[in-house]
Amino acid sequence: MEIKEWWPKLSESAREWLIANNGDVVAGAVLNEIASAGGVVESGAWWIGESGPEGVYLSERATDWIEKTANREH
């Protein structure tokens, strides 16, 4: 599922967290919420960039989309 499909299903606090922390490791609670909203939370999902010992990062494509969305919302 594309980010534009699950983004509106996230709570306002999760969306605000992703906007504020765009490019950082995605918090576990936010990952759980993304999964509940229909987003695929596993390596190979287009919105996941690097995964490492620290956790899951958003892909460049996803961070660009979030930045554009944040600019429209704020």
PDB file of N, CA and C in Angstrom:
ATOM      1  N   MET A   1       0.850  -1.178   0.000  1.00  0.00           N
ATOM      2  CA  MET A   1       0.000   0.000   0.000  1.00  0.00           C
ATOM      3  C   MET A   1       0.896   1.242   0.000  1.00  0.00           C
ATOM      4  N   GLU A   2       0.561   2.185  -0.842  1.00  0.00           N
ATOM      5  CA  GLU A   2       1.326   3.421  -0.951  1.00  0.00           C
ATOM      6  C   GLU A   2       1.150   4.286   0.300  1.00  0.00           C
ATOM      7  N   ILE A   3       2.143   5.126   0.570  1.00  0.00           N
ATOM      8  CA  ILE A   3       2.081   5.997   1.748  1.00  0.00           C
ATOM      9  C   ILE A   3       0.855   6.906   1.699  1.00  0.00           C
ATOM     10  N   LYS A   4       0.483   7.369   0.503  1.00  0.00           N
ATOM     11  CA  LYS A   4      -0.673   8.268   0.404  1.00  0.00           C
ATOM     12  C   LYS A   4      -1.966   7.573   0.826  1.00  0.00           C
ATOM     13  N   GLU A   5      -1.983   6.241   0.818  1.00  0.00           N
ATOM     14  CA  GLU A   5      -3.177   5.498   1.231  1.00  0.00           C
ATOM     15  C   GLU A   5      -3.222   5.276   2.740  1.00  0.00           C
ATOM     16  N   TRP A   6      -2.063   5.019   3.363  1.00  0.00           N
ATOM     17  CA  TRP A   6      -2.114   4.790   4.806  1.00  0.00           C
ATOM     18  C   TRP A   6      -1.848   6.041   5.628  1.00  0.00           C
ATOM     19  N   TRP A   7      -1.247   7.053   5.047  1.00  0.00           N
ATOM     20  CA  TRP A   7      -0.957   8.296   5.775  1.00  0.00           C
ATOM     21  C   TRP A   7      -2.215   8.893   6.426  1.00  0.00           C
ATOM     22  N   PRO A   8      -3.337   9.037   5.712  1.00  0.00           N
ATOM     23  CA  PRO A   8      -4.526   9.634   6.332  1.00  0.00           C
ATOM     24  C   PRO A   8      -5.094   8.806   7.486  1.00  0.00           C
ATOM     25  N   LYS A   9      -4.770   7.528   7.550  1.00  0.00           N
ATOM     26  CA  LYS A   9      -5.293   6.663   8.605  1.00  0.00           C
ATOM     27  C   LYS A   9      -4.479   6.764   9.895  1.00  0.00           C
ATOM     28  N   LEU A  10      -3.307   7.404   9.830  1.00  0.00           N
ATOM     29  CA  LEU A  10      -2.482   7.556  11.030  1.00  0.00           C
ATOM     30  C   LEU A  10      -3.081   8.610  11.950  1.00  0.00           C
ATOM     31  N   SER A  11      -2.797   8.471  13.221  1.00  0.00           N
ATOM     32  CA  SER A  11      -3.228   9.500  14.165  1.00  0.00           C
ATOM     33  C   SER A  11      -2.461  10.786  13.877  1.00  0.00           C
ATOM     34  N   GLU A  12      -3.014  11.882  14.314  1.00  0.00           N
ATOM     35  CA  GLU A  12      -2.344  13.169  14.117  1.00  0.00           C
ATOM     36  C   GLU A  12      -0.964  13.161  14.781  1.00  0.00           C
ATOM     37  N   SER A  13      -0.873  12.522  15.948  1.00  0.00           N
ATOM     38  CA  SER A  13       0.418  12.499  16.642  1.00  0.00           C
ATOM     39  C   SER A  13       1.462  11.698  15.863  1.00  0.00           C
ATOM     40  N   ALA A  14       1.059  10.611  15.215  1.00  0.00           N
ATOM     41  CA  ALA A  14       2.005   9.821  14.408  1.00  0.00           C
ATOM     42  C   ALA A  14       2.440  10.610  13.181  1.00  0.00           C
ATOM     43  N   ARG A  15       1.500  11.294  12.532  1.00  0.00           N
ATOM     44  CA  ARG A  15       1.862  12.116  11.372  1.00  0.00           C
ATOM     45  C   ARG A  15       2.806  13.230  11.789  1.00  0.00           C
ATOM     46  N   GLU A  16       2.505  13.891  12.902  1.00  0.00           N
ATOM     47  CA  GLU A  16       3.373  14.967  13.388  1.00  0.00           C
ATOM     48  C   GLU A  16       4.757  14.433  13.727  1.00  0.00           C
ATOM     49  N   TRP A  17       4.822  13.237  14.317  1.00  0.00           N
ATOM     50  CA  TRP A  17       6.123  12.641  14.656  1.00  0.00           C
ATOM     51  C   TRP A  17       6.929  12.383  13.391  1.00  0.00           C
ATOM     52  N   LEU A  18       6.288  11.814  12.365  1.00  0.00           N
ATOM     53  CA  LEU A  18       6.996  11.522  11.115  1.00  0.00           C
ATOM     54  C   LEU A  18       7.465  12.802  10.431  1.00  0.00           C
ATOM     55  N   ILE A  19       6.676  13.855  10.489  1.00  0.00           N
ATOM     56  CA  ILE A  19       7.076  15.134   9.901  1.00  0.00           C
ATOM     57  C   ILE A  19       8.267  15.705  10.669  1.00  0.00           C
ATOM     58  N   ALA A  20       8.190  15.693  11.995  1.00  0.00           N
ATOM     59  CA  ALA A  20       9.248  16.275  12.822  1.00  0.00           C
ATOM     60  C   ALA A  20      10.539  15.463  12.780  1.00  0.00           C
ATOM     61  N   ASN A  21      10.421  14.155  12.604  1.00  0.00           N
ATOM     62  CA  ASN A  21      11.592  13.273  12.669  1.00  0.00           C
ATOM     63  C   ASN A  21      11.909  12.643  11.325  1.00  0.00           C
ATOM     64  N   ASN A  22      11.506  13.318  10.257  1.00  0.00           N
ATOM     65  CA  ASN A  22      11.698  12.805   8.903  1.00  0.00           C
ATOM     66  C   ASN A  22      13.179  12.532   8.651  1.00  0.00           C
ATOM     67  N   GLY A  23      13.502  11.297   8.338  1.00  0.00           N
ATOM     68  CA  GLY A  23      14.895  10.916   8.109  1.00  0.00           C
ATOM     69  C   GLY A  23      15.508  10.173   9.278  1.00  0.00           C
ATOM     70  N   ASP A  24      14.855  10.218  10.431  1.00  0.00           N
ATOM     71  CA  ASP A  24      15.345   9.503  11.617  1.00  0.00           C
ATOM     72  C   ASP A  24      14.784   8.086  11.642  1.00  0.00           C
ATOM     73  N   VAL A  25      15.269   7.297  12.577  1.00  0.00           N
ATOM     74  CA  VAL A  25      14.731   5.953  12.781  1.00  0.00           C
ATOM     75  C   VAL A  25      13.257   6.087  13.164  1.00  0.00           C
ATOM     76  N   VAL A  26      12.405   5.269  12.556  1.00  0.00           N
ATOM     77  CA  VAL A  26      10.967   5.317  12.845  1.00  0.00           C
ATOM     78  C   VAL A  26      10.705   4.624  14.176  1.00  0.00           C
ATOM     79  N   ALA A  27      10.016   5.316  15.061  1.00  0.00           N
ATOM     80  CA  ALA A  27       9.705   4.773  16.381  1.00  0.00           C
ATOM     81  C   ALA A  27       8.829   3.531  16.264  1.00  0.00           C
ATOM     82  N   GLY A  28       9.043   2.580  17.169  1.00  0.00           N
ATOM     83  CA  GLY A  28       8.287   1.328  17.155  1.00  0.00           C
ATOM     84  C   GLY A  28       6.785   1.535  17.199  1.00  0.00           C
ATOM     85  N   ALA A  29       6.326   2.486  18.013  1.00  0.00           N
ATOM     86  CA  ALA A  29       4.883   2.738  18.112  1.00  0.00           C
ATOM     87  C   ALA A  29       4.337   3.248  16.787  1.00  0.00           C
ATOM     88  N   VAL A  30       5.130   4.056  16.078  1.00  0.00           N
ATOM     89  CA  VAL A  30       4.693   4.577  14.784  1.00  0.00           C
ATOM     90  C   VAL A  30       4.684   3.449  13.752  1.00  0.00           C
ATOM     91  N   LEU A  31       5.691   2.568  13.797  1.00  0.00           N
ATOM     92  CA  LEU A  31       5.696   1.406  12.903  1.00  0.00           C
ATOM     93  C   LEU A  31       4.450   0.558  13.120  1.00  0.00           C
ATOM     94  N   ASN A  32       4.077   0.342  14.370  1.00  0.00           N
ATOM     95  CA  ASN A  32       2.873  -0.436  14.678  1.00  0.00           C
ATOM     96  C   ASN A  32       1.625   0.239  14.107  1.00  0.00           C
ATOM     97  N   GLU A  33       1.583   1.556  14.222  1.00  0.00           N
ATOM     98  CA  GLU A  33       0.421   2.280  13.708  1.00  0.00           C
ATOM     99  C   GLU A  33       0.376   2.218  12.177  1.00  0.00           C
ATOM    100  N   ILE A  34       1.545   2.323  11.533  1.00  0.00           N
ATOM    101  CA  ILE A  34       1.605   2.207  10.073  1.00  0.00           C
ATOM    102  C   ILE A  34       1.085   0.836   9.644  1.00  0.00           C
ATOM    103  N   ALA A  35       1.525  -0.210  10.343  1.00  0.00           N
ATOM    104  CA  ALA A  35       1.069  -1.569  10.021  1.00  0.00           C
ATOM    105  C   ALA A  35      -0.444  -1.686  10.208  1.00  0.00           C
ATOM    106  N   SER A  36      -0.971  -1.110  11.278  1.00  0.00           N
ATOM    107  CA  SER A  36      -2.414  -1.155  11.537  1.00  0.00           C
ATOM    108  C   SER A  36      -3.202  -0.396  10.472  1.00  0.00           C
ATOM    109  N   ALA A  37      -2.574   0.626   9.893  1.00  0.00           N
ATOM    110  CA  ALA A  37      -3.238   1.428   8.864  1.00  0.00           C
ATOM    111  C   ALA A  37      -3.144   0.791   7.477  1.00  0.00           C
ATOM    112  N   GLY A  38      -2.422  -0.327   7.381  1.00  0.00           N
ATOM    113  CA  GLY A  38      -2.333  -1.031   6.103  1.00  0.00           C
ATOM    114  C   GLY A  38      -0.989  -0.939   5.414  1.00  0.00           C
ATOM    115  N   GLY A  39      -0.043  -0.240   6.022  1.00  0.00           N
ATOM    116  CA  GLY A  39       1.289  -0.149   5.435  1.00  0.00           C
ATOM    117  C   GLY A  39       2.074  -1.437   5.679  1.00  0.00           C
ATOM    118  N   VAL A  40       2.851  -1.848   4.696  1.00  0.00           N
ATOM    119  CA  VAL A  40       3.689  -3.044   4.837  1.00  0.00           C
ATOM    120  C   VAL A  40       4.949  -2.646   5.585  1.00  0.00           C
ATOM    121  N   VAL A  41       5.183  -3.280   6.721  1.00  0.00           N
ATOM    122  CA  VAL A  41       6.334  -2.944   7.559  1.00  0.00           C
ATOM    123  C   VAL A  41       7.313  -4.108   7.506  1.00  0.00           C
ATOM    124  N   GLU A  42       8.021  -4.211   6.394  1.00  0.00           N
ATOM    125  CA  GLU A  42       9.042  -5.244   6.245  1.00  0.00           C
ATOM    126  C   GLU A  42      10.021  -4.793   5.184  1.00  0.00           C
ATOM    127  N   SER A  43      11.214  -5.325   5.211  1.00  0.00           N
ATOM    128  CA  SER A  43      12.192  -4.909   4.215  1.00  0.00           C
ATOM    129  C   SER A  43      11.647  -5.225   2.833  1.00  0.00           C
ATOM    130  N   GLY A  44      11.911  -4.363   1.913  1.00  0.00           N
ATOM    131  CA  GLY A  44      11.364  -4.504   0.572  1.00  0.00           C
ATOM    132  C   GLY A  44      10.179  -3.585   0.329  1.00  0.00           C
ATOM    133  N   ALA A  45       9.558  -3.076   1.402  1.00  0.00           N
ATOM    134  CA  ALA A  45       8.483  -2.105   1.228  1.00  0.00           C
ATOM    135  C   ALA A  45       9.104  -0.827   0.682  1.00  0.00           C
ATOM    136  N   TRP A  46       8.485  -0.203  -0.307  1.00  0.00           N
ATOM    137  CA  TRP A  46       9.102   0.944  -0.982  1.00  0.00           C
ATOM    138  C   TRP A  46       9.380   2.103  -0.047  1.00  0.00           C
ATOM    139  N   TRP A  47       8.588   2.237   1.019  1.00  0.00           N
ATOM    140  CA  TRP A  47       8.760   3.393   1.887  1.00  0.00           C
ATOM    141  C   TRP A  47       9.853   3.178   2.922  1.00  0.00           C
ATOM    142  N   ILE A  48      10.387   1.946   3.004  1.00  0.00           N
ATOM    143  CA  ILE A  48      11.456   1.663   3.960  1.00  0.00           C
ATOM    144  C   ILE A  48      12.794   1.818   3.249  1.00  0.00           C
ATOM    145  N   GLY A  49      13.642   2.629   3.810  1.00  0.00           N
ATOM    146  CA  GLY A  49      14.980   2.809   3.268  1.00  0.00           C
ATOM    147  C   GLY A  49      15.899   1.785   3.902  1.00  0.00           C
ATOM    148  N   GLU A  50      16.822   2.275   4.712  1.00  0.00           N
ATOM    149  CA  GLU A  50      17.756   1.387   5.389  1.00  0.00           C
ATOM    150  C   GLU A  50      17.086   0.730   6.588  1.00  0.00           C
ATOM    151  N   SER A  51      17.491  -0.465   6.874  1.00  0.00           N
ATOM    152  CA  SER A  51      17.146  -1.107   8.139  1.00  0.00           C
ATOM    153  C   SER A  51      18.467  -1.513   8.752  1.00  0.00           C
ATOM    154  N   GLY A  52      18.620  -1.291   9.981  1.00  0.00           N
ATOM    155  CA  GLY A  52      19.875  -1.638  10.628  1.00  0.00           C
ATOM    156  C   GLY A  52      19.635  -1.964  12.076  1.00  0.00           C
ATOM    157  N   PRO A  53      20.715  -2.090  12.821  1.00  0.00           N
ATOM    158  CA  PRO A  53      20.572  -2.418  14.241  1.00  0.00           C
ATOM    159  C   PRO A  53      19.781  -1.366  15.010  1.00  0.00           C
ATOM    160  N   GLU A  54      19.816  -0.132  14.531  1.00  0.00           N
ATOM    161  CA  GLU A  54      19.081   0.927  15.230  1.00  0.00           C
ATOM    162  C   GLU A  54      17.588   0.874  14.933  1.00  0.00           C
ATOM    163  N   GLY A  55      17.215   0.309  13.777  1.00  0.00           N
ATOM    164  CA  GLY A  55      15.804   0.240  13.419  1.00  0.00           C
ATOM    165  C   GLY A  55      15.558   0.511  11.957  1.00  0.00           C
ATOM    166  N   VAL A  56      14.348   0.942  11.646  1.00  0.00           N
ATOM    167  CA  VAL A  56      13.889   1.150  10.273  1.00  0.00           C
ATOM    168  C   VAL A  56      13.888   2.648   9.964  1.00  0.00           C
ATOM    169  N   TYR A  57      14.414   2.988   8.793  1.00  0.00           N
ATOM    170  CA  TYR A  57      14.410   4.362   8.317  1.00  0.00           C
ATOM    171  C   TYR A  57      13.474   4.466   7.124  1.00  0.00           C
ATOM    172  N   LEU A  58      12.944   5.668   6.895  1.00  0.00           N
ATOM    173  CA  LEU A  58      12.125   5.890   5.720  1.00  0.00           C
ATOM    174  C   LEU A  58      13.015   6.021   4.494  1.00  0.00           C
ATOM    175  N   SER A  59      12.495   5.600   3.350  1.00  0.00           N
ATOM    176  CA  SER A  59      13.227   5.759   2.095  1.00  0.00           C
ATOM    177  C   SER A  59      13.233   7.232   1.698  1.00  0.00           C
ATOM    178  N   GLU A  60      14.113   7.575   0.780  1.00  0.00           N
ATOM    179  CA  GLU A  60      14.177   8.950   0.291  1.00  0.00           C
ATOM    180  C   GLU A  60      12.852   9.340  -0.368  1.00  0.00           C
ATOM    181  N   ARG A  61      12.270   8.412  -1.097  1.00  0.00           N
ATOM    182  CA  ARG A  61      10.980   8.672  -1.752  1.00  0.00           C
ATOM    183  C   ARG A  61       9.908   9.005  -0.709  1.00  0.00           C
ATOM    184  N   ALA A  62       9.892   8.264   0.399  1.00  0.00           N
ATOM    185  CA  ALA A  62       8.905   8.514   1.451  1.00  0.00           C
ATOM    186  C   ALA A  62       9.172   9.837   2.155  1.00  0.00           C
ATOM    187  N   THR A  63      10.436  10.133   2.448  1.00  0.00           N
ATOM    188  CA  THR A  63      10.735  11.402   3.137  1.00  0.00           C
ATOM    189  C   THR A  63      10.376  12.591   2.242  1.00  0.00           C
ATOM    190  N   ASP A  64      10.621  12.475   0.930  1.00  0.00           N
ATOM    191  CA  ASP A  64      10.234  13.544   0.003  1.00  0.00           C
ATOM    192  C   ASP A  64       8.717  13.737   0.016  1.00  0.00           C
ATOM    193  N   TRP A  65       7.974  12.619  -0.001  1.00  0.00           N
ATOM    194  CA  TRP A  65       6.512  12.697   0.004  1.00  0.00           C
ATOM    195  C   TRP A  65       6.029  13.359   1.292  1.00  0.00           C
ATOM    196  N   ILE A  66       6.602  12.975   2.426  1.00  0.00           N
ATOM    197  CA  ILE A  66       6.194  13.546   3.712  1.00  0.00           C
ATOM    198  C   ILE A  66       6.493  15.042   3.746  1.00  0.00           C
ATOM    199  N   GLU A  67       7.663  15.449   3.250  1.00  0.00           N
ATOM    200  CA  GLU A  67       7.997  16.873   3.236  1.00  0.00           C
ATOM    201  C   GLU A  67       6.991  17.665   2.409  1.00  0.00           C
ATOM    202  N   LYS A  68       6.598  17.149   1.250  1.00  0.00           N
ATOM    203  CA  LYS A  68       5.608  17.830   0.415  1.00  0.00           C
ATOM    204  C   LYS A  68       4.257  17.889   1.120  1.00  0.00           C
ATOM    205  N   THR A  69       3.876  16.793   1.760  1.00  0.00           N
ATOM    206  CA  THR A  69       2.609  16.744   2.484  1.00  0.00           C
ATOM    207  C   THR A  69       2.627  17.707   3.660  1.00  0.00           C
ATOM    208  N   ALA A  70       3.723  17.727   4.402  1.00  0.00           N
ATOM    209  CA  ALA A  70       3.848  18.621   5.558  1.00  0.00           C
ATOM    210  C   ALA A  70       3.741  20.080   5.124  1.00  0.00           C
ATOM    211  N   ASN A  71       4.336  20.402   3.993  1.00  0.00           N
ATOM    212  CA  ASN A  71       4.271  21.784   3.503  1.00  0.00           C
ATOM    213  C   ASN A  71       2.854  22.168   3.130  1.00  0.00           C
ATOM    214  N   ARG A  72       2.059  21.223   2.643  1.00  0.00           N
ATOM    215  CA  ARG A  72       0.661  21.515   2.308  1.00  0.00           C
ATOM    216  C   ARG A  72      -0.191  21.634   3.561  1.00  0.00           C
ATOM    217  N   GLU A  73       0.157  20.860   4.599  1.00  0.00           N
ATOM    218  CA  GLU A  73      -0.661  20.835   5.813  1.00  0.00           C
ATOM    219  C   GLU A  73      -0.371  22.004   6.740  1.00  0.00           C
ATOM    220  N   HIS A  74       0.849  22.556   6.668  1.00  0.00           N
ATOM    221  CA  HIS A  74       1.234  23.590   7.640  1.00  0.00           C
ATOM    222  C   HIS A  74       1.402  24.930   6.975  1.00  0.00           C
TER     223      HIS A  74
END
